C-alpha atoms as a PDB file:
ATOM      1  CA  MET A   1       0.000   0.000   0.000  1.00  0.00           C
ATOM      2  CA  ALA A   2       2.887   2.403   0.791  1.00  0.00           C
ATOM      3  CA  ASN A   3       4.288   1.978  -2.694  1.00  0.00           C
ATOM      4  CA  THR A   4       1.210   3.102  -4.569  1.00  0.00           C
ATOM      5  CA  GLN A   5       1.335   6.294  -6.520  1.00  0.00           C
ATOM      6  CA  ASP A   6      -1.618   7.813  -4.614  1.00  0.00           C
ATOM      7  CA  VAL A   7       0.025   7.197  -1.249  1.00  0.00           C
ATOM      8  CA  ARG A   8       3.332   8.688  -2.423  1.00  0.00           C
ATOM      9  CA  SER A   9       1.525  11.766  -3.724  1.00  0.00           C
ATOM     10  CA  GLU A  10      -0.426  12.202  -0.502  1.00  0.00           C
ATOM     11  CA  THR A  11       2.750  11.731   1.548  1.00  0.00           C
ATOM     12  CA  LYS A  12       4.618  14.406  -0.440  1.00  0.00           C
ATOM     13  CA  ALA A  13       1.705  16.816   0.080  1.00  0.00           C
ATOM     14  CA  SER A  14       1.488  16.106   3.826  1.00  0.00           C
ATOM     15  CA  HIS A  15       1.879  19.005   6.230  1.00  0.00           C
ATOM     16  CA  TYR A  16       3.424  16.720   8.855  1.00  0.00           C
ATOM     17  CA  THR A  17       7.148  16.931   7.916  1.00  0.00           C
ATOM     18  CA  ALA A  18      10.500  17.176   9.725  1.00  0.00           C
ATOM     19  CA  ALA A  19      14.066  17.642   8.464  1.00  0.00           C
ATOM     20  CA  MET A  20      16.429  14.682   8.977  1.00  0.00           C
ATOM     21  CA  PHE A  21      19.976  15.047  10.291  1.00  0.00           C
ATOM     22  CA  PRO A  22      19.699  18.800  10.904  1.00  0.00           C
ATOM     23  CA  ASN A  23      22.978  18.816  12.894  1.00  0.00           C
ATOM     24  CA  ASP A  24      25.185  17.406  10.136  1.00  0.00           C
ATOM     25  CA  ILE A  25      28.073  19.636   8.982  1.00  0.00           C
ATOM     26  CA  ILE A  26      26.996  19.163   5.436  1.00  0.00           C
ATOM     27  CA  PRO A  27      23.193  19.235   5.500  1.00  0.00           C
ATOM     28  CA  LYS A  28      21.390  16.826   3.293  1.00  0.00           C
ATOM     29  CA  ASN A  29      18.047  17.470   1.733  1.00  0.00           C
ATOM     30  CA  TYR A  30      16.369  14.653   3.563  1.00  0.00           C
ATOM     31  CA  SER A  31      12.998  14.965   5.298  1.00  0.00           C
ATOM     32  CA  LEU A  32      10.517  12.740   7.001  1.00  0.00           C
ATOM     33  CA  ARG A  33       6.917  13.083   5.946  1.00  0.00           C
ATOM     34  CA  VAL A  34       3.973  11.386   7.601  1.00  0.00           C
ATOM     35  CA  PHE A  35       0.604  10.799   5.981  1.00  0.00           C
ATOM     36  CA  PHE A  36      -2.499   9.651   7.914  1.00  0.00           C
ATOM     37  CA  PRO A  37      -5.022   7.969   5.641  1.00  0.00           C
ATOM     38  CA  ASN A  38      -8.673   8.614   6.680  1.00  0.00           C
ATOM     39  CA  GLN A  39      -7.456  11.032   9.314  1.00  0.00           C
ATOM     40  CA  LYS A  40     -10.799  12.792   9.883  1.00  0.00           C
ATOM     41  CA  SER A  41     -12.835   9.600  10.214  1.00  0.00           C
ATOM     42  CA  TYR A  42     -10.223   8.136  12.596  1.00  0.00           C
ATOM     43  CA  ILE A  43     -10.358  11.219  14.808  1.00  0.00           C
ATOM     44  CA  LEU A  44     -14.170  11.254  14.761  1.00  0.00           C
ATOM     45  CA  GLN A  45     -14.292   7.582  15.699  1.00  0.00           C
ATOM     46  CA  SER A  46     -11.862   8.211  18.534  1.00  0.00           C
ATOM     47  CA  LEU A  47     -13.894  11.161  19.858  1.00  0.00           C
ATOM     48  CA  TRP A  48     -17.354   9.699  19.194  1.00  0.00           C
ATOM     49  CA  ALA A  49     -17.971   8.517  22.771  1.00  0.00           C
ATOM     50  CA  LEU A  50     -16.762  11.848  24.206  1.00  0.00           C
ATOM     51  CA  MET A  51     -18.869  13.875  21.778  1.00  0.00           C
ATOM     52  CA  ALA A  52     -21.937  11.734  22.437  1.00  0.00           C
ATOM     53  CA  SER A  53     -21.646  12.057  26.211  1.00  0.00           C
ATOM     54  CA  SER A  54     -21.003  15.803  25.866  1.00  0.00           C
ATOM     55  CA  GLY A  55     -24.118  16.115  23.688  1.00  0.00           C
ATOM     56  CA  VAL A  56     -26.215  14.218  26.249  1.00  0.00           C
ATOM     57  CA  PHE A  57     -24.990  16.396  29.113  1.00  0.00           C
ATOM     58  CA  LEU A  58     -25.547  19.557  27.053  1.00  0.00           C
ATOM     59  CA  SER A  59     -29.104  18.445  26.249  1.00  0.00           C
ATOM     60  CA  ILE A  60     -29.765  17.770  29.932  1.00  0.00           C
ATOM     61  CA  ILE A  61     -28.431  21.198  30.878  1.00  0.00           C
ATOM     62  CA  ILE A  62     -30.539  22.951  28.212  1.00  0.00           C
ATOM     63  CA  ALA A  63     -33.667  20.972  29.203  1.00  0.00           C
ATOM     64  CA  THR A  64     -33.087  21.746  32.892  1.00  0.00           C
ATOM     65  CA  PHE A  65     -32.585  25.427  32.140  1.00  0.00           C
ATOM     66  CA  GLY A  66     -35.737  25.534  30.006  1.00  0.00           C
ATOM     67  CA  PHE A  67     -37.766  23.749  32.678  1.00  0.00           C
ATOM     68  CA  THR A  68     -36.458  26.168  35.329  1.00  0.00           C
ATOM     69  CA  VAL A  69     -37.393  29.208  33.232  1.00  0.00           C
ATOM     70  CA  ILE A  70     -40.895  27.836  32.553  1.00  0.00           C
ATOM     71  CA  ALA A  71     -41.376  27.013  36.243  1.00  0.00           C
ATOM     72  CA  LEU A  72     -40.262  30.511  37.252  1.00  0.00           C
ATOM     73  CA  VAL A  73     -42.632  32.124  34.739  1.00  0.00           C
ATOM     74  CA  ARG A  74     -45.545  29.993  35.950  1.00  0.00           C
ATOM     75  CA  GLN A  75     -44.644  30.718  39.571  1.00  0.00           C
ATOM     76  CA  LYS A  76     -44.595  34.449  38.856  1.00  0.00           C
ATOM     77  CA  LYS A  77     -47.978  34.282  37.149  1.00  0.00           C
ATOM     78  CA  LEU A  78     -49.404  32.345  40.090  1.00  0.00           C
ATOM     79  CA  SER A  79     -47.876  34.816  42.526  1.00  0.00           C
ATOM     80  CA  ASP A  80     -49.347  37.760  40.604  1.00  0.00           C
ATOM     81  CA  MET A  81     -52.763  36.072  40.479  1.00  0.00           C
ATOM     82  CA  LYS A  82     -52.716  35.380  44.222  1.00  0.00           C
ATOM     83  CA  THR A  83     -51.659  38.961  44.921  1.00  0.00           C
ATOM     84  CA  ASP A  84     -54.559  40.216  42.809  1.00  0.00           C
ATOM     85  CA  PHE A  85     -56.862  37.815  44.641  1.00  0.00           C
ATOM     86  CA  ILE A  86     -55.768  39.120  48.041  1.00  0.00           C
ATOM     87  CA  ASN A  87     -56.226  42.714  46.879  1.00  0.00           C
ATOM     88  CA  ASN A  88     -59.680  41.928  45.478  1.00  0.00           C
ATOM     89  CA  MET A  89     -60.654  40.008  48.622  1.00  0.00           C
ATOM     90  CA  THR A  90     -59.544  42.912  50.840  1.00  0.00           C
ATOM     91  CA  HIS A  91     -61.572  45.357  48.758  1.00  0.00           C
ATOM     92  CA  GLU A  92     -64.608  43.090  48.642  1.00  0.00           C
ATOM     93  CA  PHE A  93     -64.563  42.671  52.431  1.00  0.00           C
ATOM     94  CA  GLN A  94     -63.868  46.320  53.171  1.00  0.00           C
ATOM     95  CA  THR A  95     -66.939  47.556  51.312  1.00  0.00           C
ATOM     96  CA  PRO A  96     -69.638  45.634  53.253  1.00  0.00           C
ATOM     97  CA  ILE A  97     -67.753  46.071  56.548  1.00  0.00           C
ATOM     98  CA  ALA A  98     -67.601  49.843  56.039  1.00  0.00           C
ATOM     99  CA  THR A  99     -71.283  49.951  55.071  1.00  0.00           C
ATOM    100  CA  ILE A 100     -72.299  47.926  58.135  1.00  0.00           C
ATOM    101  CA  SER A 101     -70.155  50.169  60.326  1.00  0.00           C
ATOM    102  CA  LEU A 102     -71.758  53.346  58.982  1.00  0.00           C
ATOM    103  CA  ALA A 103     -75.280  51.930  59.281  1.00  0.00           C
ATOM    104  CA  SER A 104     -74.589  50.752  62.845  1.00  0.00           C
ATOM    105  CA  GLU A 105     -73.208  54.166  63.755  1.00  0.00           C
ATOM    106  CA  ALA A 106     -76.292  55.824  62.290  1.00  0.00           C
ATOM    107  CA  LEU A 107     -78.580  53.601  64.353  1.00  0.00           C
ATOM    108  CA  ARG A 108     -76.999  55.020  67.507  1.00  0.00           C
ATOM    109  CA  ASP A 109     -78.492  58.384  66.616  1.00  0.00           C
ATOM    110  CA  GLY A 110     -81.662  58.929  68.610  1.00  0.00           C
ATOM    111  CA  SER A 111     -83.401  60.820  65.808  1.00  0.00           C
ATOM    112  CA  ILE A 112     -82.985  57.875  63.442  1.00  0.00           C
ATOM    113  CA  ILE A 113     -84.236  55.389  66.024  1.00  0.00           C
ATOM    114  CA  ALA A 114     -87.363  57.502  66.431  1.00  0.00           C
ATOM    115  CA  ASN A 115     -87.960  57.491  62.668  1.00  0.00           C
ATOM    116  CA  GLU A 116     -89.283  54.025  61.853  1.00  0.00           C
ATOM    117  CA  ASP A 117     -88.727  54.297  58.080  1.00  0.00           C
ATOM    118  CA  ARG A 118     -85.097  55.396  58.376  1.00  0.00           C
ATOM    119  CA  ARG A 119     -84.398  52.853  61.103  1.00  0.00           C
ATOM    120  CA  SER A 120     -85.891  50.070  58.980  1.00  0.00           C
ATOM    121  CA  ARG A 121     -83.804  51.170  55.982  1.00  0.00           C
ATOM    122  CA  PHE A 122     -80.556  51.037  57.936  1.00  0.00           C
ATOM    123  CA  VAL A 123     -81.463  47.654  59.447  1.00  0.00           C
ATOM    124  CA  ASN A 124     -82.107  46.286  55.957  1.00  0.00           C
ATOM    125  CA  VAL A 125     -78.756  47.661  54.787  1.00  0.00           C
ATOM    126  CA  ILE A 126     -76.981  45.838  57.614  1.00  0.00           C
ATOM    127  CA  PHE A 127     -78.888  42.633  56.854  1.00  0.00           C
ATOM    128  CA  ASP A 128     -78.124  42.755  53.113  1.00  0.00           C
ATOM    129  CA  GLU A 129     -74.456  43.595  53.558  1.00  0.00           C
ATOM    130  CA  ASN A 130     -74.042  40.879  56.168  1.00  0.00           C
ATOM    131  CA  LYS A 131     -75.642  38.388  53.782  1.00  0.00           C
ATOM    132  CA  ARG A 132     -73.331  39.561  50.998  1.00  0.00           C
ATOM    133  CA  LEU A 133     -70.304  39.155  53.268  1.00  0.00           C
ATOM    134  CA  GLY A 134     -71.422  35.644  54.165  1.00  0.00           C
ATOM    135  CA  LYS A 135     -71.685  34.689  50.480  1.00  0.00           C
ATOM    136  CA  GLN A 136     -68.175  35.957  49.833  1.00  0.00           C
ATOM    137  CA  VAL A 137     -66.793  33.901  52.703  1.00  0.00           C
ATOM    138  CA  GLU A 138     -68.709  30.864  51.437  1.00  0.00           C
ATOM    139  CA  LEU A 139     -67.235  31.320  47.965  1.00  0.00           C
ATOM    140  CA  ILE A 140     -63.692  31.363  49.335  1.00  0.00           C
ATOM    141  CA  LEU A 141     -64.388  28.275  51.462  1.00  0.00           C
ATOM    142  CA  GLN A 142     -65.776  26.515  48.376  1.00  0.00           C
ATOM    143  CA  ALA A 143     -62.580  27.331  46.471  1.00  0.00           C
ATOM    144  CA  ALA A 144     -60.468  25.893  49.309  1.00  0.00           C
ATOM    145  CA  SER A 145     -62.598  22.739  49.351  1.00  0.00           C
ATOM    146  CA  LEU A 146     -62.244  22.328  45.584  1.00  0.00           C
ATOM    147  CA  GLU A 147     -58.465  22.704  45.759  1.00  0.00           C
ATOM    148  CA  LYS A 148     -58.224  19.979  48.408  1.00  0.00           C
ATOM    149  CA  GLY A 149     -60.843  17.805  46.702  1.00  0.00           C
ATOM    150  CA  ARG A 150     -63.082  17.920  49.758  1.00  0.00           C
ATOM    151  CA  PHE A 151     -66.393  18.550  48.081  1.00  0.00           C
ATOM    152  CA  SER A 152     -69.414  16.317  48.012  1.00  0.00           C
ATOM    153  CA  ILE A 153     -72.046  15.788  45.354  1.00  0.00           C
ATOM    154  CA  ASN A 154     -75.514  14.611  46.321  1.00  0.00           C
ATOM    155  CA  PRO A 155     -77.198  13.751  43.019  1.00  0.00           C
ATOM    156  CA  LYS A 156     -80.902  13.258  42.619  1.00  0.00           C
ATOM    157  CA  GLU A 157     -83.433  13.656  39.826  1.00  0.00           C
ATOM    158  CA  ILE A 158     -83.894  17.375  39.171  1.00  0.00           C
ATOM    159  CA  ASP A 159     -85.604  19.406  36.463  1.00  0.00           C
ATOM    160  CA  ILE A 160     -82.924  21.547  34.843  1.00  0.00           C
ATOM    161  CA  HIS A 161     -85.563  23.830  33.322  1.00  0.00           C
ATOM    162  CA  GLN A 162     -86.905  24.750  36.744  1.00  0.00           C
ATOM    163  CA  ILE A 163     -83.403  25.633  37.962  1.00  0.00           C
ATOM    164  CA  VAL A 164     -82.779  27.690  34.801  1.00  0.00           C
ATOM    165  CA  ILE A 165     -86.048  29.602  35.281  1.00  0.00           C
ATOM    166  CA  SER A 166     -85.237  30.261  38.942  1.00  0.00           C
ATOM    167  CA  ALA A 167     -81.740  31.542  38.094  1.00  0.00           C
ATOM    168  CA  VAL A 168     -83.086  33.754  35.292  1.00  0.00           C
ATOM    169  CA  GLN A 169     -85.716  35.229  37.584  1.00  0.00           C
ATOM    170  CA  HIS A 170     -83.065  35.903  40.217  1.00  0.00           C
ATOM    171  CA  ILE A 171     -80.819  37.835  37.806  1.00  0.00           C
ATOM    172  CA  SER A 172     -83.595  39.524  35.784  1.00  0.00           C
ATOM    173  CA  MET A 173     -84.013  42.394  38.255  1.00  0.00           C
ATOM    174  CA  GLN A 174     -80.316  43.204  38.051  1.00  0.00           C
ATOM    175  CA  VAL A 175     -80.398  43.073  34.235  1.00  0.00           C
ATOM    176  CA  GLU A 176     -83.529  45.226  33.957  1.00  0.00           C
ATOM    177  CA  LYS A 177     -82.021  47.774  36.355  1.00  0.00           C
ATOM    178  CA  LYS A 178     -79.222  48.273  33.824  1.00  0.00           C
ATOM    179  CA  GLY A 179     -81.769  48.731  31.029  1.00  0.00           C
ATOM    180  CA  GLY A 180     -81.230  45.308  29.503  1.00  0.00           C
ATOM    181  CA  ASN A 181     -83.197  42.167  28.734  1.00  0.00           C
ATOM    182  CA  ILE A 182     -82.827  38.463  29.386  1.00  0.00           C
ATOM    183  CA  PHE A 183     -84.496  35.842  27.202  1.00  0.00           C
ATOM    184  CA  CYS A 184     -84.990  32.160  27.919  1.00  0.00           C
ATOM    185  CA  HIS A 185     -85.509  29.494  25.211  1.00  0.00           C
ATOM    186  CA  LEU A 186     -86.198  26.096  26.777  1.00  0.00           C
ATOM    187  CA  ASN A 187     -85.884  23.786  23.753  1.00  0.00           C
ATOM    188  CA  ALA A 188     -84.759  20.602  25.531  1.00  0.00           C
ATOM    189  CA  PHE A 189     -87.343  17.851  25.022  1.00  0.00           C
ATOM    190  CA  HIS A 190     -86.057  16.052  28.124  1.00  0.00           C
ATOM    191  CA  SER A 191     -84.890  18.231  31.035  1.00  0.00           C
ATOM    192  CA  VAL A 192     -84.694  15.840  33.995  1.00  0.00           C
ATOM    193  CA  ALA A 193     -81.107  14.919  34.979  1.00  0.00           C
ATOM    194  CA  PHE A 194     -79.460  13.106  37.862  1.00  0.00           C
ATOM    195  CA  ALA A 195     -77.360  15.861  39.477  1.00  0.00           C
ATOM    196  CA  ASP A 196     -76.761  17.960  42.596  1.00  0.00           C
ATOM    197  CA  GLU A 197     -79.389  20.695  42.661  1.00  0.00           C
ATOM    198  CA  ALA A 198     -77.356  23.135  44.790  1.00  0.00           C
ATOM    199  CA  HIS A 199     -74.241  22.926  42.615  1.00  0.00           C
ATOM    200  CA  ILE A 200     -76.151  23.206  39.328  1.00  0.00           C
ATOM    201  CA  SER A 201     -78.003  26.239  40.693  1.00  0.00           C
ATOM    202  CA  ASN A 202     -74.706  27.833  41.768  1.00  0.00           C
ATOM    203  CA  ILE A 203     -73.220  27.182  38.313  1.00  0.00           C
ATOM    204  CA  LEU A 204     -76.083  28.936  36.527  1.00  0.00           C
ATOM    205  CA  HIS A 205     -76.098  31.833  38.991  1.00  0.00           C
ATOM    206  CA  ASN A 206     -72.354  32.313  38.488  1.00  0.00           C
ATOM    207  CA  LEU A 207     -72.602  32.349  34.694  1.00  0.00           C
ATOM    208  CA  LEU A 208     -75.619  34.653  34.612  1.00  0.00           C
ATOM    209  CA  ASP A 209     -74.018  36.994  37.142  1.00  0.00           C
ATOM    210  CA  ASN A 210     -70.887  37.184  34.955  1.00  0.00           C
ATOM    211  CA  ALA A 211     -73.001  37.779  31.849  1.00  0.00           C
ATOM    212  CA  SER A 212     -74.613  40.757  33.563  1.00  0.00           C
ATOM    213  CA  LYS A 213     -71.408  42.144  35.130  1.00  0.00           C
ATOM    214  CA  TYR A 214     -69.332  42.032  31.946  1.00  0.00           C
ATOM    215  CA  CYS A 215     -72.046  43.559  29.747  1.00  0.00           C
ATOM    216  CA  PRO A 216     -72.318  47.256  28.871  1.00  0.00           C
ATOM    217  CA  ASP A 217     -75.115  49.478  30.143  1.00  0.00           C
ATOM    218  CA  SER A 218     -77.832  47.508  28.308  1.00  0.00           C
ATOM    219  CA  PRO A 219     -77.091  43.787  28.608  1.00  0.00           C
ATOM    220  CA  GLU A 220     -78.818  41.350  26.269  1.00  0.00           C
ATOM    221  CA  ILE A 221     -78.627  37.807  27.624  1.00  0.00           C
ATOM    222  CA  ILE A 222     -80.033  34.697  25.926  1.00  0.00           C
ATOM    223  CA  VAL A 223     -80.312  31.385  27.757  1.00  0.00           C
ATOM    224  CA  THR A 224     -81.000  28.350  25.543  1.00  0.00           C
ATOM    225  CA  THR A 225     -81.392  24.666  26.355  1.00  0.00           C
ATOM    226  CA  ASN A 226     -81.269  21.671  24.019  1.00  0.00           C
ATOM    227  CA  SER A 227     -81.019  17.941  24.574  1.00  0.00           C
ATOM    228  CA  ASN A 228     -80.040  14.706  22.897  1.00  0.00           C
ATOM    229  CA  SER A 229     -80.008  11.068  23.942  1.00  0.00           C
ATOM    230  CA  GLN A 230     -76.957  11.608  26.179  1.00  0.00           C
ATOM    231  CA  GLY A 231     -77.820  14.732  28.114  1.00  0.00           C
ATOM    232  CA  ILE A 232     -78.880  18.359  28.166  1.00  0.00           C
ATOM    233  CA  SER A 233     -76.915  21.364  26.917  1.00  0.00           C
ATOM    234  CA  ILE A 234     -77.257  24.928  28.200  1.00  0.00           C
ATOM    235  CA  SER A 235     -75.851  27.991  26.468  1.00  0.00           C
ATOM    236  CA  ILE A 236     -75.664  31.485  27.967  1.00  0.00           C
ATOM    237  CA  LYS A 237     -74.965  34.202  25.417  1.00  0.00           C
ATOM    238  CA  ASP A 238     -74.308  37.865  26.197  1.00  0.00           C
ATOM    239  CA  ASN A 239     -73.314  41.055  24.392  1.00  0.00           C
ATOM    240  CA  GLY A 240     -70.543  41.948  26.810  1.00  0.00           C
ATOM    241  CA  ILE A 241     -66.924  42.982  26.415  1.00  0.00           C
ATOM    242  CA  GLY A 242     -65.865  39.555  25.157  1.00  0.00           C
ATOM    243  CA  MET A 243     -62.488  37.838  25.468  1.00  0.00           C
ATOM    244  CA  SER A 244     -59.387  37.348  23.359  1.00  0.00           C
ATOM    245  CA  ARG A 245     -58.088  33.870  22.497  1.00  0.00           C
ATOM    246  CA  ASP A 246     -55.538  33.957  25.309  1.00  0.00           C
ATOM    247  CA  GLN A 247     -58.174  35.106  27.800  1.00  0.00           C
ATOM    248  CA  GLN A 248     -60.497  32.290  26.729  1.00  0.00           C
ATOM    249  CA  LYS A 249     -57.739  29.741  27.393  1.00  0.00           C
ATOM    250  CA  ARG A 250     -57.239  31.105  30.927  1.00  0.00           C
ATOM    251  CA  ALA A 251     -60.879  31.905  31.739  1.00  0.00           C
ATOM    252  CA  PHE A 252     -61.362  28.802  33.908  1.00  0.00           C
ATOM    253  CA  GLU A 253     -58.098  29.181  35.848  1.00  0.00           C
ATOM    254  CA  ARG A 254     -58.352  29.786  39.597  1.00  0.00           C
ATOM    255  CA  PHE A 255     -57.957  33.473  40.575  1.00  0.00           C
ATOM    256  CA  TYR A 256     -57.932  34.627  36.939  1.00  0.00           C
ATOM    257  CA  ARG A 257     -60.121  37.615  36.075  1.00  0.00           C
ATOM    258  CA  VAL A 258     -60.705  38.963  32.577  1.00  0.00           C
ATOM    259  CA  PRO A 259     -59.281  42.502  32.345  1.00  0.00           C
ATOM    260  CA  THR A 260     -62.023  45.138  32.149  1.00  0.00           C
ATOM    261  CA  GLY A 261     -59.971  48.136  31.003  1.00  0.00           C
ATOM    262  CA  ASN A 262     -61.124  51.369  32.563  1.00  0.00           C
ATOM    263  CA  ARG A 263     -64.172  49.786  34.153  1.00  0.00           C
ATOM    264  CA  HIS A 264     -63.824  49.381  37.911  1.00  0.00           C
ATOM    265  CA  ASP A 265     -67.363  48.276  38.733  1.00  0.00           C
ATOM    266  CA  VAL A 266     -66.735  44.631  37.866  1.00  0.00           C
ATOM    267  CA  LYS A 267     -65.862  42.919  41.132  1.00  0.00           C
ATOM    268  CA  GLY A 268     -65.062  39.380  42.148  1.00  0.00           C
ATOM    269  CA  PHE A 269     -62.383  36.970  43.276  1.00  0.00           C
ATOM    270  CA  GLY A 270     -61.770  35.156  39.986  1.00  0.00           C
ATOM    271  CA  LEU A 271     -63.125  31.922  41.489  1.00  0.00           C
ATOM    272  CA  GLY A 272     -66.533  31.620  39.819  1.00  0.00           C
ATOM    273  CA  LEU A 273     -65.534  30.040  36.499  1.00  0.00           C
ATOM    274  CA  SER A 274     -63.030  27.752  38.197  1.00  0.00           C
ATOM    275  CA  TYR A 275     -65.877  26.490  40.388  1.00  0.00           C
ATOM    276  CA  VAL A 276     -68.132  26.067  37.327  1.00  0.00           C
ATOM    277  CA  LYS A 277     -65.541  23.942  35.502  1.00  0.00           C
ATOM    278  CA  SER A 278     -64.766  21.778  38.539  1.00  0.00           C
ATOM    279  CA  MET A 279     -68.417  21.068  39.323  1.00  0.00           C
ATOM    280  CA  ILE A 280     -69.488  20.392  35.739  1.00  0.00           C
ATOM    281  CA  GLU A 281     -66.604  17.948  35.279  1.00  0.00           C
ATOM    282  CA  ALA A 282     -67.439  16.329  38.635  1.00  0.00           C
ATOM    283  CA  HIS A 283     -70.898  15.637  37.147  1.00  0.00           C
ATOM    284  CA  GLY A 284     -69.281  14.106  34.041  1.00  0.00           C
ATOM    285  CA  GLY A 285     -70.109  17.111  31.875  1.00  0.00           C
ATOM    286  CA  THR A 286     -68.152  19.711  29.935  1.00  0.00           C
ATOM    287  CA  VAL A 287     -67.977  23.502  29.740  1.00  0.00           C
ATOM    288  CA  SER A 288     -66.505  25.724  27.037  1.00  0.00           C
ATOM    289  CA  VAL A 289     -66.580  29.337  25.939  1.00  0.00           C
ATOM    290  CA  ASN A 290     -66.730  31.021  22.540  1.00  0.00           C
ATOM    291  CA  SER A 291     -66.001  34.716  22.553  1.00  0.00           C
ATOM    292  CA  GLU A 292     -64.811  37.690  20.536  1.00  0.00           C
ATOM    293  CA  LEU A 293     -63.555  40.996  21.882  1.00  0.00           C
ATOM    294  CA  GLY A 294     -66.289  43.621  21.838  1.00  0.00           C
ATOM    295  CA  LYS A 295     -68.949  41.168  20.645  1.00  0.00           C
ATOM    296  CA  GLY A 296     -69.786  39.159  23.758  1.00  0.00           C
ATOM    297  CA  SER A 297     -69.333  35.593  24.954  1.00  0.00           C
ATOM    298  CA  THR A 298     -71.249  32.326  24.850  1.00  0.00           C
ATOM    299  CA  PHE A 299     -70.735  29.733  27.586  1.00  0.00           C
ATOM    300  CA  ASN A 300     -71.767  26.207  26.618  1.00  0.00           C
ATOM    301  CA  LEU A 301     -72.540  23.575  29.249  1.00  0.00           C
ATOM    302  CA  PHE A 302     -73.265  19.911  28.688  1.00  0.00           C
ATOM    303  CA  LEU A 303     -74.678  17.834  31.524  1.00  0.00           C
ATOM    304  CA  PRO A 304     -75.283  14.090  31.044  1.00  0.00           C
ATOM    305  CA  PHE A 305     -78.607  12.768  32.251  1.00  0.00           C
ATOM    306  CA  ARG A 306     -76.677  10.393  34.506  1.00  0.00           C
ATOM    307  CA  SER A 307     -73.034  11.004  35.432  1.00  0.00           C
END
């Protein structure tokens, strides 16, 4: 092999050369040249194990770094959401407490006690605000129970249409006060399902309350029911501020509240939709939302006749 013409040519062109007998008195033009056939492949084969292990360790480092960054971003979002929740909770509690305090102080005035109408008005204010405060505490306790999985469902045969009508009647006064309308289309041919009446009622009240809160001055709300052989579906459509795609993805997250811009009259803890999703899924159903900014939202519920 060393005597072939190709090898001799490659050897003469090799960069690995050294002069021979450099210390002779009469130098001779002799040199030693070394040629490595398949040098690159030999080196790659020699370093393959090292390069492979280095690549594995580099991949692990990159994956660990990426996971750490994602975890930090999620932790920051959760921290921001909890901070907002605490701020909202403080504000929500301060308002009824301040109102009760003022009404109680007013009742200490002898002139108000003597006036039956004014006294009755302040007593009713205290009663209503105390009831409102109790509901807020109950909502927070429900959220804590859901997080720990300590909730109970007591299913029985209930008429979904009756619960829908009751919820619509409850919210209609609030809607009409804002100059709006609420319509109810009960199209389901079969409306009796095996579910927990209290939870289903709370779900509908939450959704209708949101539909009213996030609507402009004249809300238009449409509640529609339909059914098939598997279960009953309920849709609640409004003409409110709507949601972007990202907001729709996060709408059912705990503590998340849809931004309302310059509007500061929309209150809440960001727990309502999280409760709705948890309870519907606990019944074996589904919930989704279709929305467009500035054009309103439609919440779609499906509840099987038997979970």
